[in-house]
Amino acid sequence: MRLLDWLSARTESLTRNVADAGSAALYVRQLLRGNRLRVVPSPPPTGPRVHPPSGRPPVLLVHGYLATRGSLHLLERHLTERGHVVLTYRMGPVNVGGIRQAAGLIARKVESLVQQTSVRRVHVVGHSMGGLVGLYYVKRLGGRDRVSKLIMLGSPVLGTWSAVLGLVTAPLGRASVELLPGSPVLRELRSEPLPLGVEVVTVAGDRDFLAPDGATRLEGVRHISLAASHSGLLVDPRVADTIDALLREEPVSSGGPDDKAARAGRGSAG
């Protein structure tokens, strides 16, 4: 019996490792698409409107450190297929800028959108450092008036030592330094209270070694753990299903207990 249990556990572990490797390879292929093209066009707006027929706010996807708009390709496609209007913005050839710098860019882009269209609020979904960019925007740069929901995917609010691998980019941008545990910008983000009117949800992958579950938790914020790796949070359609469900929920006040129901689907997501 113990042998069977051991074999079962080893098989499950091998299956997960294969799935994670597949997710990583798929992510890299999307990353290499770069910034040049919108690979998944959202439904074209009619006149000045960019709201989907449901009237839900458009969804702004924000990619992470050392990433490109291409890394968002599959998530953009999945959400578009589910009826959302999806927006992405270019943050340099590869994003090596700091959290404050990227948040300033997002703030300017959203204000431009508000001035030119009927949109007044957006939902923001940020992957890895992109979630921290969204958090800085809503806390420090007026995003409280423009963002309805902020969903942070694998965003290391407490920092991650994996950022050491990117320190060679520090002369070009501050992202690798700011992502380290104890950095001033991360302390600032955690100390600032969450603004009223913005619903924040943190989402972690239980096989995410770049931003482990514990590093993604923000005090007073609803937290969801999914069966996914860091790259799987962007490329797995079942993660997109969870994001879609969160975006469709009626607005609630920020904060709340961990979402245990999301754990029921564990086992096969990459």
C-alpha atoms as a PDB file:
ATOM      1  CA  MET A   1       0.000   0.000   0.000  1.00  0.00           C
ATOM      2  CA  ARG A   2       2.831   2.366   0.842  1.00  0.00           C
ATOM      3  CA  LEU A   3       4.468   1.543  -2.481  1.00  0.00           C
ATOM      4  CA  LEU A   4       1.272   2.442  -4.332  1.00  0.00           C
ATOM      5  CA  ASP A   5       0.987   5.698  -2.396  1.00  0.00           C
ATOM      6  CA  TRP A   6       4.618   6.503  -3.205  1.00  0.00           C
ATOM      7  CA  LEU A   7       4.115   5.743  -6.894  1.00  0.00           C
ATOM      8  CA  SER A   8       0.944   7.833  -6.973  1.00  0.00           C
ATOM      9  CA  ALA A   9       2.699  10.781  -5.350  1.00  0.00           C
ATOM     10  CA  ARG A  10       5.676  10.512  -7.711  1.00  0.00           C
ATOM     11  CA  THR A  11       3.389  10.305 -10.743  1.00  0.00           C
ATOM     12  CA  GLU A  12       1.427  13.359  -9.619  1.00  0.00           C
ATOM     13  CA  SER A  13       4.664  15.277  -9.028  1.00  0.00           C
ATOM     14  CA  LEU A  14       6.001  14.306 -12.460  1.00  0.00           C
ATOM     15  CA  THR A  15       2.730  15.332 -14.113  1.00  0.00           C
ATOM     16  CA  ARG A  16       2.872  18.729 -12.442  1.00  0.00           C
ATOM     17  CA  ASN A  17       6.516  19.213 -13.422  1.00  0.00           C
ATOM     18  CA  VAL A  18       5.708  18.414 -17.043  1.00  0.00           C
ATOM     19  CA  ALA A  19       2.733  20.804 -16.967  1.00  0.00           C
ATOM     20  CA  ASP A  20       4.862  23.563 -15.445  1.00  0.00           C
ATOM     21  CA  ALA A  21       7.593  23.060 -18.043  1.00  0.00           C
ATOM     22  CA  GLY A  22       4.956  23.262 -20.773  1.00  0.00           C
ATOM     23  CA  SER A  23       3.559  26.471 -19.299  1.00  0.00           C
ATOM     24  CA  ALA A  24       7.027  28.002 -19.117  1.00  0.00           C
ATOM     25  CA  ALA A  25       7.776  27.120 -22.742  1.00  0.00           C
ATOM     26  CA  LEU A  26       4.429  28.510 -23.865  1.00  0.00           C
ATOM     27  CA  TYR A  27       5.032  31.710 -21.880  1.00  0.00           C
ATOM     28  CA  VAL A  28       8.449  32.213 -23.485  1.00  0.00           C
ATOM     29  CA  ARG A  29       6.932  31.833 -26.963  1.00  0.00           C
ATOM     30  CA  GLN A  30       4.385  34.549 -26.149  1.00  0.00           C
ATOM     31  CA  LEU A  31       7.063  36.747 -24.581  1.00  0.00           C
ATOM     32  CA  LEU A  32       9.086  36.638 -27.791  1.00  0.00           C
ATOM     33  CA  ARG A  33       6.172  38.134 -29.700  1.00  0.00           C
ATOM     34  CA  GLY A  34       7.391  41.438 -28.306  1.00  0.00           C
ATOM     35  CA  ASN A  35       5.464  44.710 -28.332  1.00  0.00           C
ATOM     36  CA  ARG A  36       4.910  45.417 -32.008  1.00  0.00           C
ATOM     37  CA  LEU A  37       1.417  44.067 -32.629  1.00  0.00           C
ATOM     38  CA  ARG A  38      -1.840  43.590 -30.805  1.00  0.00           C
ATOM     39  CA  VAL A  39      -2.092  39.891 -31.380  1.00  0.00           C
ATOM     40  CA  VAL A  40      -5.693  39.684 -30.172  1.00  0.00           C
ATOM     41  CA  PRO A  41      -7.739  42.672 -31.279  1.00  0.00           C
ATOM     42  CA  SER A  42     -10.622  43.484 -28.989  1.00  0.00           C
ATOM     43  CA  PRO A  43     -14.020  44.175 -30.558  1.00  0.00           C
ATOM     44  CA  PRO A  44     -13.700  47.580 -32.271  1.00  0.00           C
ATOM     45  CA  PRO A  45     -15.389  50.464 -30.471  1.00  0.00           C
ATOM     46  CA  THR A  46     -18.428  52.176 -31.942  1.00  0.00           C
ATOM     47  CA  GLY A  47     -17.866  55.920 -31.971  1.00  0.00           C
ATOM     48  CA  PRO A  48     -16.290  57.083 -28.699  1.00  0.00           C
ATOM     49  CA  ARG A  49     -17.308  54.003 -26.716  1.00  0.00           C
ATOM     50  CA  VAL A  50     -14.992  51.156 -25.750  1.00  0.00           C
ATOM     51  CA  HIS A  51     -17.294  49.438 -23.274  1.00  0.00           C
ATOM     52  CA  PRO A  52     -18.352  45.883 -24.122  1.00  0.00           C
ATOM     53  CA  PRO A  53     -22.090  45.346 -24.670  1.00  0.00           C
ATOM     54  CA  SER A  54     -22.482  44.325 -21.011  1.00  0.00           C
ATOM     55  CA  GLY A  55     -21.364  47.757 -19.852  1.00  0.00           C
ATOM     56  CA  ARG A  56     -18.510  46.304 -17.794  1.00  0.00           C
ATOM     57  CA  PRO A  57     -15.340  48.416 -17.600  1.00  0.00           C
ATOM     58  CA  PRO A  58     -12.528  47.521 -20.009  1.00  0.00           C
ATOM     59  CA  VAL A  59      -9.716  45.376 -18.625  1.00  0.00           C
ATOM     60  CA  LEU A  60      -6.179  46.763 -18.578  1.00  0.00           C
ATOM     61  CA  LEU A  61      -3.521  44.033 -18.492  1.00  0.00           C
ATOM     62  CA  VAL A  62      -0.120  45.021 -17.087  1.00  0.00           C
ATOM     63  CA  HIS A  63       2.854  42.738 -17.673  1.00  0.00           C
ATOM     64  CA  GLY A  64       5.757  42.226 -15.321  1.00  0.00           C
ATOM     65  CA  TYR A  65       9.487  42.728 -15.083  1.00  0.00           C
ATOM     66  CA  LEU A  66      11.610  41.626 -18.081  1.00  0.00           C
ATOM     67  CA  ALA A  67       8.410  40.990 -20.027  1.00  0.00           C
ATOM     68  CA  THR A  68       6.661  42.374 -23.101  1.00  0.00           C
ATOM     69  CA  ARG A  69       3.072  42.850 -24.216  1.00  0.00           C
ATOM     70  CA  GLY A  70       3.421  39.537 -26.023  1.00  0.00           C
ATOM     71  CA  SER A  71       3.585  37.743 -22.654  1.00  0.00           C
ATOM     72  CA  LEU A  72      -0.059  38.765 -22.160  1.00  0.00           C
ATOM     73  CA  HIS A  73      -1.197  37.356 -25.493  1.00  0.00           C
ATOM     74  CA  LEU A  74      -2.988  34.221 -24.296  1.00  0.00           C
ATOM     75  CA  LEU A  75      -4.635  35.862 -21.298  1.00  0.00           C
ATOM     76  CA  GLU A  76      -5.758  38.700 -23.546  1.00  0.00           C
ATOM     77  CA  ARG A  77      -7.230  36.204 -25.986  1.00  0.00           C
ATOM     78  CA  HIS A  78      -8.977  34.190 -23.261  1.00  0.00           C
ATOM     79  CA  LEU A  79     -10.572  37.297 -21.728  1.00  0.00           C
ATOM     80  CA  THR A  80     -11.553  38.703 -25.122  1.00  0.00           C
ATOM     81  CA  GLU A  81     -13.261  35.417 -25.980  1.00  0.00           C
ATOM     82  CA  ARG A  82     -15.186  35.746 -22.715  1.00  0.00           C
ATOM     83  CA  GLY A  83     -16.604  39.104 -23.748  1.00  0.00           C
ATOM     84  CA  HIS A  84     -14.187  41.588 -22.184  1.00  0.00           C
ATOM     85  CA  VAL A  85     -12.624  44.581 -23.912  1.00  0.00           C
ATOM     86  CA  VAL A  86      -8.909  44.215 -23.173  1.00  0.00           C
ATOM     87  CA  LEU A  87      -6.172  46.870 -23.286  1.00  0.00           C
ATOM     88  CA  THR A  88      -2.388  46.571 -23.000  1.00  0.00           C
ATOM     89  CA  TYR A  89       0.370  49.164 -23.140  1.00  0.00           C
ATOM     90  CA  ARG A  90       4.015  49.037 -24.149  1.00  0.00           C
ATOM     91  CA  MET A  91       6.496  49.634 -21.324  1.00  0.00           C
ATOM     92  CA  GLY A  92       9.769  49.797 -23.184  1.00  0.00           C
ATOM     93  CA  PRO A  93      11.284  47.103 -25.437  1.00  0.00           C
ATOM     94  CA  VAL A  94      11.468  44.913 -22.311  1.00  0.00           C
ATOM     95  CA  ASN A  95      10.164  46.164 -18.986  1.00  0.00           C
ATOM     96  CA  VAL A  96      13.139  46.976 -16.757  1.00  0.00           C
ATOM     97  CA  GLY A  97      11.812  50.260 -15.373  1.00  0.00           C
ATOM     98  CA  GLY A  98      10.875  50.759 -11.755  1.00  0.00           C
ATOM     99  CA  ILE A  99       7.444  50.304 -10.189  1.00  0.00           C
ATOM    100  CA  ARG A 100       6.873  54.050  -9.786  1.00  0.00           C
ATOM    101  CA  GLN A 101       7.947  54.735 -13.370  1.00  0.00           C
ATOM    102  CA  ALA A 102       5.600  52.096 -14.806  1.00  0.00           C
ATOM    103  CA  ALA A 103       2.725  53.255 -12.587  1.00  0.00           C
ATOM    104  CA  GLY A 104       3.183  56.786 -13.898  1.00  0.00           C
ATOM    105  CA  LEU A 105       2.928  55.506 -17.460  1.00  0.00           C
ATOM    106  CA  ILE A 106      -0.272  53.595 -16.645  1.00  0.00           C
ATOM    107  CA  ALA A 107      -1.746  56.673 -14.957  1.00  0.00           C
ATOM    108  CA  ARG A 108      -1.101  58.794 -18.056  1.00  0.00           C
ATOM    109  CA  LYS A 109      -2.525  56.158 -20.404  1.00  0.00           C
ATOM    110  CA  VAL A 110      -5.709  55.742 -18.357  1.00  0.00           C
ATOM    111  CA  GLU A 111      -6.252  59.500 -18.136  1.00  0.00           C
ATOM    112  CA  SER A 112      -5.824  59.727 -21.911  1.00  0.00           C
ATOM    113  CA  LEU A 113      -8.401  56.953 -22.323  1.00  0.00           C
ATOM    114  CA  VAL A 114     -10.833  58.794 -20.042  1.00  0.00           C
ATOM    115  CA  GLN A 115     -10.391  62.030 -21.975  1.00  0.00           C
ATOM    116  CA  GLN A 116     -10.949  60.423 -25.369  1.00  0.00           C
ATOM    117  CA  THR A 117     -13.742  57.930 -24.660  1.00  0.00           C
ATOM    118  CA  SER A 118     -16.802  57.326 -22.516  1.00  0.00           C
ATOM    119  CA  VAL A 119     -14.785  55.178 -20.107  1.00  0.00           C
ATOM    120  CA  ARG A 120     -14.565  56.434 -16.537  1.00  0.00           C
ATOM    121  CA  ARG A 121     -13.200  53.364 -14.760  1.00  0.00           C
ATOM    122  CA  VAL A 122     -11.188  50.297 -15.706  1.00  0.00           C
ATOM    123  CA  HIS A 123     -10.343  46.939 -14.192  1.00  0.00           C
ATOM    124  CA  VAL A 124      -6.615  46.264 -13.847  1.00  0.00           C
ATOM    125  CA  VAL A 125      -5.084  42.781 -13.981  1.00  0.00           C
ATOM    126  CA  GLY A 126      -1.341  42.809 -13.294  1.00  0.00           C
ATOM    127  CA  HIS A 127       1.037  39.863 -13.504  1.00  0.00           C
ATOM    128  CA  SER A 128       4.064  39.713 -11.209  1.00  0.00           C
ATOM    129  CA  MET A 129       5.513  43.241 -10.963  1.00  0.00           C
ATOM    130  CA  GLY A 130       2.531  44.421 -13.022  1.00  0.00           C
ATOM    131  CA  GLY A 131       0.301  43.848 -10.010  1.00  0.00           C
ATOM    132  CA  LEU A 132       2.585  46.016  -7.875  1.00  0.00           C
ATOM    133  CA  VAL A 133       2.437  48.690 -10.573  1.00  0.00           C
ATOM    134  CA  GLY A 134      -1.360  48.586 -10.356  1.00  0.00           C
ATOM    135  CA  LEU A 135      -1.227  48.777  -6.564  1.00  0.00           C
ATOM    136  CA  TYR A 136       1.071  51.807  -6.659  1.00  0.00           C
ATOM    137  CA  TYR A 137      -1.267  53.442  -9.163  1.00  0.00           C
ATOM    138  CA  VAL A 138      -4.368  53.055  -6.997  1.00  0.00           C
ATOM    139  CA  LYS A 139      -2.582  54.004  -3.777  1.00  0.00           C
ATOM    140  CA  ARG A 140      -0.311  56.833  -4.857  1.00  0.00           C
ATOM    141  CA  LEU A 141      -1.222  58.187  -8.307  1.00  0.00           C
ATOM    142  CA  GLY A 142      -4.976  58.750  -8.235  1.00  0.00           C
ATOM    143  CA  GLY A 143      -5.997  55.325  -9.510  1.00  0.00           C
ATOM    144  CA  ARG A 144      -8.582  55.136  -6.731  1.00  0.00           C
ATOM    145  CA  ASP A 145     -10.797  57.285  -8.961  1.00  0.00           C
ATOM    146  CA  ARG A 146     -10.196  55.216 -12.110  1.00  0.00           C
ATOM    147  CA  VAL A 147      -9.944  51.564 -11.025  1.00  0.00           C
ATOM    148  CA  SER A 148     -12.881  49.404  -9.986  1.00  0.00           C
ATOM    149  CA  LYS A 149     -10.986  46.146  -9.455  1.00  0.00           C
ATOM    150  CA  LEU A 150      -7.313  45.319  -9.184  1.00  0.00           C
ATOM    151  CA  ILE A 151      -6.371  41.653  -9.601  1.00  0.00           C
ATOM    152  CA  MET A 152      -2.741  40.897  -8.759  1.00  0.00           C
ATOM    153  CA  LEU A 153      -1.403  37.643 -10.279  1.00  0.00           C
ATOM    154  CA  GLY A 154       1.701  36.268  -8.600  1.00  0.00           C
ATOM    155  CA  SER A 155       2.720  39.724  -7.405  1.00  0.00           C
ATOM    156  CA  PRO A 156       5.397  39.568  -4.660  1.00  0.00           C
ATOM    157  CA  VAL A 157       4.088  42.211  -2.269  1.00  0.00           C
ATOM    158  CA  LEU A 158       6.675  41.060   0.279  1.00  0.00           C
ATOM    159  CA  GLY A 159       9.403  40.929  -2.355  1.00  0.00           C
ATOM    160  CA  THR A 160      11.238  38.023  -3.934  1.00  0.00           C
ATOM    161  CA  TRP A 161      14.881  37.001  -3.797  1.00  0.00           C
ATOM    162  CA  SER A 162      14.591  35.794  -7.383  1.00  0.00           C
ATOM    163  CA  ALA A 163      14.939  39.471  -8.350  1.00  0.00           C
ATOM    164  CA  VAL A 164      18.666  39.068  -7.598  1.00  0.00           C
ATOM    165  CA  LEU A 165      18.924  37.362 -10.985  1.00  0.00           C
ATOM    166  CA  GLY A 166      17.972  40.640 -12.646  1.00  0.00           C
ATOM    167  CA  LEU A 167      20.380  42.934 -10.808  1.00  0.00           C
ATOM    168  CA  VAL A 168      22.470  43.244 -13.974  1.00  0.00           C
ATOM    169  CA  THR A 169      19.693  45.482 -15.333  1.00  0.00           C
ATOM    170  CA  ALA A 170      19.872  47.851 -12.337  1.00  0.00           C
ATOM    171  CA  PRO A 171      21.842  50.532 -14.229  1.00  0.00           C
ATOM    172  CA  LEU A 172      18.990  50.656 -16.769  1.00  0.00           C
ATOM    173  CA  GLY A 173      16.035  50.405 -14.409  1.00  0.00           C
ATOM    174  CA  ARG A 174      15.250  49.979 -10.745  1.00  0.00           C
ATOM    175  CA  ALA A 175      12.831  47.078 -10.987  1.00  0.00           C
ATOM    176  CA  SER A 176      15.206  44.347  -9.816  1.00  0.00           C
ATOM    177  CA  VAL A 177      16.209  46.380  -6.742  1.00  0.00           C
ATOM    178  CA  GLU A 178      12.625  47.368  -5.926  1.00  0.00           C
ATOM    179  CA  LEU A 179      11.442  43.743  -6.060  1.00  0.00           C
ATOM    180  CA  LEU A 180      13.852  42.588  -3.360  1.00  0.00           C
ATOM    181  CA  PRO A 181      12.383  41.935   0.119  1.00  0.00           C
ATOM    182  CA  GLY A 182      12.519  45.020   2.309  1.00  0.00           C
ATOM    183  CA  SER A 183      12.892  47.507  -0.547  1.00  0.00           C
ATOM    184  CA  PRO A 184      11.624  51.032   0.247  1.00  0.00           C
ATOM    185  CA  VAL A 185       8.975  50.983  -2.472  1.00  0.00           C
ATOM    186  CA  LEU A 186       7.510  47.692  -1.220  1.00  0.00           C
ATOM    187  CA  ARG A 187       7.464  48.991   2.366  1.00  0.00           C
ATOM    188  CA  GLU A 188       5.701  52.092   1.078  1.00  0.00           C
ATOM    189  CA  LEU A 189       3.116  50.001  -0.774  1.00  0.00           C
ATOM    190  CA  ARG A 190       2.322  47.910   2.294  1.00  0.00           C
ATOM    191  CA  SER A 191       2.131  50.873   4.673  1.00  0.00           C
ATOM    192  CA  GLU A 192      -0.300  52.916   2.590  1.00  0.00           C
ATOM    193  CA  PRO A 193      -3.969  52.043   3.312  1.00  0.00           C
ATOM    194  CA  LEU A 194      -6.108  50.656   0.528  1.00  0.00           C
ATOM    195  CA  PRO A 195      -8.349  53.343  -0.940  1.00  0.00           C
ATOM    196  CA  LEU A 196     -12.090  52.991  -0.577  1.00  0.00           C
ATOM    197  CA  GLY A 197     -13.943  52.049  -3.724  1.00  0.00           C
ATOM    198  CA  VAL A 198     -11.241  49.810  -5.205  1.00  0.00           C
ATOM    199  CA  GLU A 199     -11.626  46.055  -4.819  1.00  0.00           C
ATOM    200  CA  VAL A 200      -8.251  44.308  -4.641  1.00  0.00           C
ATOM    201  CA  VAL A 201      -7.743  40.548  -5.026  1.00  0.00           C
ATOM    202  CA  THR A 202      -4.400  38.744  -4.825  1.00  0.00           C
ATOM    203  CA  VAL A 203      -3.988  35.481  -6.739  1.00  0.00           C
ATOM    204  CA  ALA A 204      -1.102  33.077  -6.172  1.00  0.00           C
ATOM    205  CA  GLY A 205       0.090  29.896  -7.839  1.00  0.00           C
ATOM    206  CA  ASP A 206       0.779  27.048  -5.445  1.00  0.00           C
ATOM    207  CA  ARG A 207       3.749  26.020  -7.622  1.00  0.00           C
ATOM    208  CA  ASP A 208       5.070  29.536  -8.137  1.00  0.00           C
ATOM    209  CA  PHE A 209       8.720  29.570  -7.057  1.00  0.00           C
ATOM    210  CA  LEU A 210       9.359  33.132  -8.260  1.00  0.00           C
ATOM    211  CA  ALA A 211       6.558  34.649  -6.170  1.00  0.00           C
ATOM    212  CA  PRO A 212       5.548  32.041  -3.551  1.00  0.00           C
ATOM    213  CA  ASP A 213       2.072  32.172  -2.077  1.00  0.00           C
ATOM    214  CA  GLY A 214       3.211  33.741   1.181  1.00  0.00           C
ATOM    215  CA  ALA A 215       4.978  36.582  -0.601  1.00  0.00           C
ATOM    216  CA  THR A 216       1.846  37.587  -2.511  1.00  0.00           C
ATOM    217  CA  ARG A 217      -0.495  38.112   0.427  1.00  0.00           C
ATOM    218  CA  LEU A 218      -1.590  41.642   1.251  1.00  0.00           C
ATOM    219  CA  GLU A 219      -3.130  42.291   4.645  1.00  0.00           C
ATOM    220  CA  GLY A 220      -6.880  42.850   4.549  1.00  0.00           C
ATOM    221  CA  VAL A 221      -7.213  41.701   0.947  1.00  0.00           C
ATOM    222  CA  ARG A 222      -9.041  38.688  -0.467  1.00  0.00           C
ATOM    223  CA  HIS A 223      -6.558  35.993  -1.484  1.00  0.00           C
ATOM    224  CA  ILE A 224      -6.974  33.070  -3.898  1.00  0.00           C
ATOM    225  CA  SER A 225      -4.567  30.167  -4.382  1.00  0.00           C
ATOM    226  CA  LEU A 226      -4.645  28.265  -7.677  1.00  0.00           C
ATOM    227  CA  ALA A 227      -2.871  25.188  -9.004  1.00  0.00           C
ATOM    228  CA  ALA A 228      -0.421  27.033 -11.208  1.00  0.00           C
ATOM    229  CA  SER A 229       3.173  28.106 -11.719  1.00  0.00           C
ATOM    230  CA  HIS A 230       4.292  31.707 -12.238  1.00  0.00           C
ATOM    231  CA  SER A 231       3.992  31.428 -16.012  1.00  0.00           C
ATOM    232  CA  GLY A 232       0.849  29.307 -15.722  1.00  0.00           C
ATOM    233  CA  LEU A 233      -0.966  32.265 -14.177  1.00  0.00           C
ATOM    234  CA  LEU A 234      -0.784  33.893 -17.615  1.00  0.00           C
ATOM    235  CA  VAL A 235      -1.179  31.000 -20.033  1.00  0.00           C
ATOM    236  CA  ASP A 236      -3.576  28.524 -18.403  1.00  0.00           C
ATOM    237  CA  PRO A 237      -7.203  28.933 -19.552  1.00  0.00           C
ATOM    238  CA  ARG A 238      -8.487  27.741 -16.171  1.00  0.00           C
ATOM    239  CA  VAL A 239      -6.750  30.668 -14.506  1.00  0.00           C
ATOM    240  CA  ALA A 240      -8.428  32.895 -17.105  1.00  0.00           C
ATOM    241  CA  ASP A 241     -11.764  31.380 -16.017  1.00  0.00           C
ATOM    242  CA  THR A 242     -11.071  32.478 -12.437  1.00  0.00           C
ATOM    243  CA  ILE A 243     -10.101  35.983 -13.548  1.00  0.00           C
ATOM    244  CA  ASP A 244     -13.220  36.199 -15.722  1.00  0.00           C
ATOM    245  CA  ALA A 245     -15.389  35.188 -12.749  1.00  0.00           C
ATOM    246  CA  LEU A 246     -13.732  37.818 -10.533  1.00  0.00           C
ATOM    247  CA  LEU A 247     -14.245  40.518 -13.149  1.00  0.00           C
ATOM    248  CA  ARG A 248     -17.930  39.631 -13.479  1.00  0.00           C
ATOM    249  CA  GLU A 249     -18.625  39.723  -9.744  1.00  0.00           C
ATOM    250  CA  GLU A 250     -20.614  42.612  -8.392  1.00  0.00           C
ATOM    251  CA  PRO A 251     -18.332  45.119  -6.673  1.00  0.00           C
ATOM    252  CA  VAL A 252     -17.710  44.463  -2.995  1.00  0.00           C
ATOM    253  CA  SER A 253     -15.688  46.336  -0.416  1.00  0.00           C
ATOM    254  CA  SER A 254     -11.967  45.613  -0.360  1.00  0.00           C
ATOM    255  CA  GLY A 255     -10.830  42.972   2.029  1.00  0.00           C
ATOM    256  CA  GLY A 256     -12.118  39.579   2.958  1.00  0.00           C
ATOM    257  CA  PRO A 257     -11.043  36.056   3.861  1.00  0.00           C
ATOM    258  CA  ASP A 258      -8.962  33.770   1.712  1.00  0.00           C
ATOM    259  CA  ASP A 259     -10.942  32.125  -1.054  1.00  0.00           C
ATOM    260  CA  LYS A 260     -10.880  28.444  -0.165  1.00  0.00           C
ATOM    261  CA  ALA A 261     -13.278  27.431  -2.923  1.00  0.00           C
ATOM    262  CA  ALA A 262     -10.656  28.156  -5.561  1.00  0.00           C
ATOM    263  CA  ARG A 263      -8.520  25.371  -4.123  1.00  0.00           C
ATOM    264  CA  ALA A 264     -11.063  22.719  -5.091  1.00  0.00           C
ATOM    265  CA  GLY A 265      -9.887  22.705  -8.689  1.00  0.00           C
ATOM    266  CA  ARG A 266      -6.238  21.983  -7.869  1.00  0.00           C
ATOM    267  CA  GLY A 267      -4.319  19.222  -9.533  1.00  0.00           C
ATOM    268  CA  SER A 268      -3.967  19.854 -13.253  1.00  0.00           C
ATOM    269  CA  ALA A 269      -3.576  23.559 -13.967  1.00  0.00           C
ATOM    270  CA  GLY A 270      -0.101  24.495 -15.189  1.00  0.00           C
END
